[in-house]
Amino acid sequence: MAMSDYKYQAQAMMRDYLLADPLVPYTSVLVGIVLCKMAYDLTRLLSSFYFKGYSSLTKIQRIEWNNRCVFCQKTQNQYIYIAQGMSSAHAIYITAISLYLVLSTDLFSDHLKGPITFRNSIISTFALGVSVGYFITDLAMIFWLYPSLGGMEYVLHHTLSLVAIVYTMLSGEGQFYTYIVLISETTTPEINLRWFLDTAGLKKSSAYLVNGILMFVAWLVARIFLFIYVFYHIYLHYSQVEQMHAFGYYLTLLVPSVLFVMNTMWFVKILKGVKKTLAKWP
């Protein structure tokens, strides 16, 4: 009986306080930061036990290692342990949530009445808050070790993303476009795996080649074609976009445009890298 009482009290606290509408954004951001810390520490702990080369990495490499995703593989001569860093954990999480909300629910369905630019829910707002927690954590690490973890292009990318997600989380406006853009995070695990293979001295392995091709395809679909769809959707629903607050209106037009230019520049580099790798491949 006592256990049931405690369970009821815990559920009541979650409903009335942590998940109450006014507190959802702040609770979710805190959850996101805590989860990032847990993923980072867990990766560091497991890597120190299972990967022999971890201790020989520089401080910056270890920090970046803990932030990235790697793969797990066992061979006859060595055991390569690859953990799930906070960067890839967030990418998998937000991609799954974005696809679920956009494709598997009616939240953003055209069959519903009312502007799509004003649709939101507790789940969609909470999920964005967790993502805000990640971007705050990652941006703080970039500034802390600048420019070791990334130059101004990463600062610009993360700052634009953070401002846009915070606005749509707090206002409830434009969540559809935010989630469509966040699907592009599906390319992050491939980027992280490329970094790991390079750091682990496996740049000439077949895994490096296959991952490079997958990264090229994923980038083309999620960061080029998908953004073109965003612009097309904004064009078709421009009358609804105009109804947004002025700040949200300009964010909806500006952020995807800037990110698309950056994505295109990075895509050209990826294409050159794939060509270079294939040319050297036996």
Protein backbone atom coordinates (compact mmCIF):
# COMPACT_ATOMS: atom_id res chain seq x y z
CA MET A 1 0.00 0.00 0.00
CA ALA A 2 2.83 2.38 0.90
CA MET A 3 4.53 1.70 -2.43
CA SER A 4 1.34 2.58 -4.29
CA ASP A 5 1.08 5.85 -2.34
CA TYR A 6 4.64 6.79 -3.24
CA LYS A 7 3.99 5.94 -6.89
CA TYR A 8 0.86 8.10 -6.92
CA GLN A 9 2.71 11.01 -5.30
CA ALA A 10 5.54 10.75 -7.81
CA GLN A 11 3.08 10.75 -10.72
CA ALA A 12 1.24 13.71 -9.22
CA MET A 13 4.48 15.67 -8.84
CA MET A 14 5.43 14.95 -12.48
CA ARG A 15 1.99 16.04 -13.69
CA ASP A 16 1.49 19.11 -11.48
CA TYR A 17 5.04 20.47 -11.38
CA LEU A 18 7.69 19.05 -13.74
CA LEU A 19 5.31 18.62 -16.70
CA ALA A 20 2.96 21.51 -15.96
CA ASP A 21 2.60 23.64 -19.09
CA PRO A 22 4.53 26.70 -17.82
CA LEU A 23 7.42 24.55 -16.56
CA VAL A 24 7.78 22.14 -19.48
CA PRO A 25 10.39 24.22 -21.38
CA TYR A 26 12.62 24.74 -18.34
CA THR A 27 12.28 21.17 -17.09
CA SER A 28 13.11 19.75 -20.51
CA VAL A 29 16.21 21.96 -20.93
CA LEU A 30 17.49 20.76 -17.56
CA VAL A 31 16.80 17.15 -18.57
CA GLY A 32 18.73 17.69 -21.79
CA ILE A 33 21.78 19.07 -20.00
CA VAL A 34 21.76 16.25 -17.44
CA LEU A 35 21.44 13.59 -20.17
CA CYS A 36 24.36 15.14 -22.06
CA LYS A 37 26.50 14.99 -18.92
CA MET A 38 25.51 11.35 -18.34
CA ALA A 39 26.30 10.35 -21.95
CA TYR A 40 29.65 12.14 -21.82
CA ASP A 41 30.69 10.55 -18.51
CA LEU A 42 29.48 7.09 -19.53
CA THR A 43 31.46 7.24 -22.77
CA ARG A 44 34.57 8.36 -20.89
CA LEU A 45 34.20 5.57 -18.33
CA LEU A 46 33.59 2.76 -20.81
CA SER A 47 36.28 3.95 -23.22
CA SER A 48 38.91 4.01 -20.47
CA PHE A 49 38.13 0.35 -19.72
CA TYR A 50 37.61 -1.13 -23.18
CA PHE A 51 39.74 0.93 -25.56
CA LYS A 52 43.47 0.60 -24.97
CA GLY A 53 44.37 3.63 -27.04
CA TYR A 54 42.07 5.98 -25.13
CA SER A 55 44.68 6.93 -22.53
CA SER A 56 47.19 7.80 -25.25
CA LEU A 57 44.87 10.41 -26.79
CA THR A 58 45.48 14.06 -26.09
CA LYS A 59 43.16 15.95 -23.74
CA ILE A 60 41.34 17.58 -26.65
CA GLN A 61 40.98 14.24 -28.46
CA ARG A 62 39.54 12.59 -25.34
CA ILE A 63 37.02 15.39 -24.91
CA GLU A 64 35.99 15.16 -28.55
CA TRP A 65 35.96 11.35 -28.31
CA ASN A 66 33.52 11.50 -25.39
CA ASN A 67 31.32 13.85 -27.38
CA ARG A 68 31.11 11.68 -30.47
CA CYS A 69 29.60 8.37 -31.47
CA VAL A 70 31.67 5.36 -32.38
CA PHE A 71 31.01 1.78 -33.36
CA CYS A 72 31.77 -1.52 -31.65
CA GLN A 73 33.79 -4.16 -33.47
CA LYS A 74 35.82 -7.16 -32.39
CA THR A 75 38.60 -8.70 -34.48
CA GLN A 76 41.12 -11.48 -33.93
CA ASN A 77 43.92 -9.07 -33.08
CA GLN A 78 42.17 -6.28 -31.27
CA TYR A 79 38.97 -5.16 -29.61
CA ILE A 80 37.75 -1.76 -30.64
CA TYR A 81 35.22 -0.32 -28.23
CA ILE A 82 33.17 2.51 -29.57
CA ALA A 83 30.74 4.27 -27.26
CA GLN A 84 27.71 6.46 -27.74
CA GLY A 85 28.78 10.04 -27.12
CA MET A 86 26.34 12.83 -26.38
CA SER A 87 26.51 14.23 -29.93
CA SER A 88 25.24 11.05 -31.58
CA ALA A 89 22.88 10.25 -28.72
CA HIS A 90 21.19 13.59 -29.34
CA ALA A 91 21.21 13.06 -33.11
CA ILE A 92 19.48 9.68 -32.83
CA TYR A 93 17.01 11.02 -30.26
CA ILE A 94 15.98 14.18 -32.11
CA THR A 95 15.82 12.45 -35.50
CA ALA A 96 13.51 9.77 -34.10
CA ILE A 97 11.29 12.33 -32.35
CA SER A 98 11.16 14.56 -35.43
CA LEU A 99 10.18 11.71 -37.75
CA TYR A 100 7.57 10.52 -35.24
CA LEU A 101 5.93 13.93 -34.82
CA VAL A 102 6.05 14.82 -38.51
CA LEU A 103 5.10 11.47 -40.04
CA SER A 104 3.33 9.37 -37.39
CA THR A 105 1.08 11.88 -35.64
CA ASP A 106 -1.64 14.27 -36.77
CA LEU A 107 -0.07 17.26 -35.05
CA PHE A 108 1.19 18.76 -38.32
CA SER A 109 -1.30 17.09 -40.66
CA ASP A 110 -2.83 19.17 -43.45
CA HIS A 111 -6.18 17.59 -42.59
CA LEU A 112 -6.41 19.62 -39.39
CA LYS A 113 -7.86 23.10 -39.39
CA GLY A 114 -5.81 26.10 -38.43
CA PRO A 115 -2.34 27.36 -39.43
CA ILE A 116 0.39 24.73 -39.24
CA THR A 117 2.75 27.41 -37.93
CA PHE A 118 0.95 27.57 -34.56
CA ARG A 119 0.60 23.87 -33.78
CA ASN A 120 2.38 22.41 -30.78
CA SER A 121 1.92 20.01 -27.88
CA ILE A 122 3.51 19.24 -24.52
CA ILE A 123 5.47 16.39 -26.12
CA SER A 124 6.76 18.50 -29.01
CA THR A 125 7.73 21.34 -26.65
CA PHE A 126 9.44 18.99 -24.18
CA ALA A 127 11.41 17.29 -26.96
CA LEU A 128 12.66 20.66 -28.21
CA GLY A 129 13.73 21.58 -24.69
CA VAL A 130 15.91 18.47 -24.46
CA SER A 131 17.51 19.50 -27.75
CA VAL A 132 18.09 23.02 -26.37
CA GLY A 133 19.91 21.42 -23.44
CA TYR A 134 22.20 19.62 -25.85
CA PHE A 135 22.99 22.70 -27.94
CA ILE A 136 23.73 24.72 -24.80
CA THR A 137 26.10 22.02 -23.56
CA ASP A 138 27.82 21.54 -26.91
CA LEU A 139 28.14 25.28 -27.56
CA ALA A 140 29.61 25.78 -24.08
CA MET A 141 32.24 23.11 -24.82
CA ILE A 142 33.08 24.77 -28.17
CA PHE A 143 33.59 28.14 -26.48
CA TRP A 144 35.53 26.56 -23.60
CA LEU A 145 38.05 24.90 -25.91
CA TYR A 146 37.78 27.26 -28.88
CA PRO A 147 38.88 26.67 -31.60
CA SER A 148 39.91 23.05 -30.88
CA LEU A 149 36.38 21.64 -31.19
CA GLY A 150 35.33 23.85 -34.09
CA GLY A 151 35.77 27.26 -35.62
CA MET A 152 33.35 30.10 -36.28
CA GLU A 153 31.27 28.02 -38.68
CA TYR A 154 30.33 25.70 -35.80
CA VAL A 155 29.61 28.65 -33.51
CA LEU A 156 27.34 30.17 -36.18
CA HIS A 157 25.57 26.87 -36.85
CA HIS A 158 24.96 26.12 -33.16
CA THR A 159 23.97 29.69 -32.30
CA LEU A 160 21.40 29.93 -35.09
CA SER A 161 20.03 26.50 -34.20
CA LEU A 162 19.85 27.35 -30.51
CA VAL A 163 18.09 30.69 -31.02
CA ALA A 164 15.55 29.14 -33.41
CA ILE A 165 14.79 26.16 -31.17
CA VAL A 166 14.51 28.30 -28.02
CA TYR A 167 12.08 30.65 -29.74
CA THR A 168 9.84 27.90 -31.11
CA MET A 169 9.97 26.07 -27.76
CA LEU A 170 8.85 29.14 -25.77
CA SER A 171 6.39 30.58 -28.28
CA GLY A 172 4.98 27.40 -29.79
CA GLU A 173 5.34 28.91 -33.26
CA GLY A 174 6.98 27.25 -36.23
CA GLN A 175 7.58 23.89 -34.57
CA PHE A 176 6.84 22.05 -37.82
CA TYR A 177 9.71 23.75 -39.66
CA THR A 178 11.99 23.31 -36.66
CA TYR A 179 11.41 19.56 -36.61
CA ILE A 180 11.87 19.24 -40.37
CA VAL A 181 15.25 20.98 -40.11
CA LEU A 182 16.22 18.87 -37.08
CA ILE A 183 15.81 15.70 -39.16
CA SER A 184 19.11 16.77 -40.74
CA GLU A 185 20.79 15.64 -37.51
CA THR A 186 20.60 12.13 -38.99
CA THR A 187 23.97 12.89 -40.64
CA THR A 188 25.74 13.41 -37.30
CA PRO A 189 26.52 9.74 -36.48
CA GLU A 190 28.25 9.30 -39.86
CA ILE A 191 30.32 12.44 -39.27
CA ASN A 192 31.29 11.23 -35.79
CA LEU A 193 32.17 7.75 -37.03
CA ARG A 194 34.39 9.28 -39.71
CA TRP A 195 36.25 11.23 -37.02
CA PHE A 196 36.67 8.10 -34.90
CA LEU A 197 37.98 5.95 -37.75
CA ASP A 198 40.47 8.67 -38.62
CA THR A 199 41.60 9.06 -34.99
CA ALA A 200 41.84 5.28 -34.52
CA GLY A 201 44.14 4.98 -37.56
CA LEU A 202 41.53 3.22 -39.70
CA LYS A 203 41.36 5.77 -42.49
CA LYS A 204 42.34 3.15 -45.07
CA SER A 205 39.79 0.59 -43.90
CA SER A 206 36.72 -0.46 -45.85
CA ALA A 207 34.59 0.88 -43.00
CA TYR A 208 35.95 4.36 -43.66
CA LEU A 209 35.02 4.13 -47.34
CA VAL A 210 31.52 2.77 -46.70
CA ASN A 211 30.87 5.37 -44.02
CA GLY A 212 32.03 8.12 -46.40
CA ILE A 213 29.54 7.00 -49.06
CA LEU A 214 26.73 6.76 -46.48
CA MET A 215 27.60 10.23 -45.21
CA PHE A 216 27.45 11.60 -48.76
CA VAL A 217 24.01 10.07 -49.41
CA ALA A 218 22.61 11.06 -46.00
CA TRP A 219 23.89 14.62 -46.40
CA LEU A 220 22.40 14.93 -49.88
CA VAL A 221 18.98 13.75 -48.69
CA ALA A 222 18.78 15.30 -45.20
CA ARG A 223 20.67 18.56 -45.67
CA ILE A 224 20.09 19.42 -49.32
CA PHE A 225 16.84 17.88 -50.62
CA LEU A 226 15.05 18.21 -47.26
CA PHE A 227 15.89 21.92 -47.03
CA ILE A 228 14.57 22.44 -50.57
CA TYR A 229 11.33 20.85 -49.34
CA VAL A 230 11.28 23.30 -46.40
CA PHE A 231 11.54 26.27 -48.76
CA TYR A 232 8.81 24.80 -50.97
CA HIS A 233 6.54 24.23 -47.98
CA ILE A 234 7.10 27.79 -46.75
CA TYR A 235 6.18 29.05 -50.23
CA LEU A 236 2.93 27.06 -50.23
CA HIS A 237 2.03 28.17 -46.69
CA TYR A 238 3.44 31.67 -46.83
CA SER A 239 0.13 33.22 -45.75
CA GLN A 240 0.36 31.19 -42.53
CA VAL A 241 4.02 32.07 -41.99
CA GLU A 242 3.10 35.76 -42.27
CA GLN A 243 0.77 35.37 -39.28
CA MET A 244 3.70 34.55 -36.98
CA HIS A 245 5.30 37.13 -34.69
CA ALA A 246 7.81 39.26 -36.60
CA PHE A 247 10.78 37.64 -34.86
CA GLY A 248 9.49 34.14 -35.62
CA TYR A 249 8.71 35.13 -39.20
CA TYR A 250 12.27 36.30 -39.87
CA LEU A 251 13.74 33.26 -38.09
CA THR A 252 11.67 30.96 -40.31
CA LEU A 253 13.08 32.61 -43.41
CA LEU A 254 16.62 33.34 -42.24
CA VAL A 255 17.77 30.26 -40.30
CA PRO A 256 17.01 27.58 -42.94
CA SER A 257 18.54 29.83 -45.62
CA VAL A 258 21.83 30.33 -43.76
CA LEU A 259 22.01 26.66 -42.77
CA PHE A 260 21.32 25.61 -46.36
CA VAL A 261 24.24 27.71 -47.62
CA MET A 262 26.51 26.18 -44.97
CA ASN A 263 25.24 22.68 -45.77
CA THR A 264 25.94 23.22 -49.45
CA MET A 265 29.49 24.39 -48.75
CA TRP A 266 30.12 21.35 -46.53
CA PHE A 267 28.52 19.07 -49.11
CA VAL A 268 31.01 20.23 -51.75
CA LYS A 269 33.85 19.33 -49.36
CA ILE A 270 32.30 15.92 -48.67
CA LEU A 271 31.95 15.28 -52.40
CA LYS A 272 35.61 16.16 -52.98
CA GLY A 273 36.62 13.90 -50.08
CA VAL A 274 34.65 10.95 -51.47
CA LYS A 275 36.18 11.42 -54.93
CA LYS A 276 39.66 11.62 -53.43
CA THR A 277 39.14 8.47 -51.35
CA LEU A 278 37.72 6.49 -54.28
CA ALA A 279 40.61 7.57 -56.49
CA LYS A 280 43.14 6.18 -54.00
CA TRP A 281 41.18 2.99 -53.29
CA PRO A 282 42.82 -0.17 -54.70
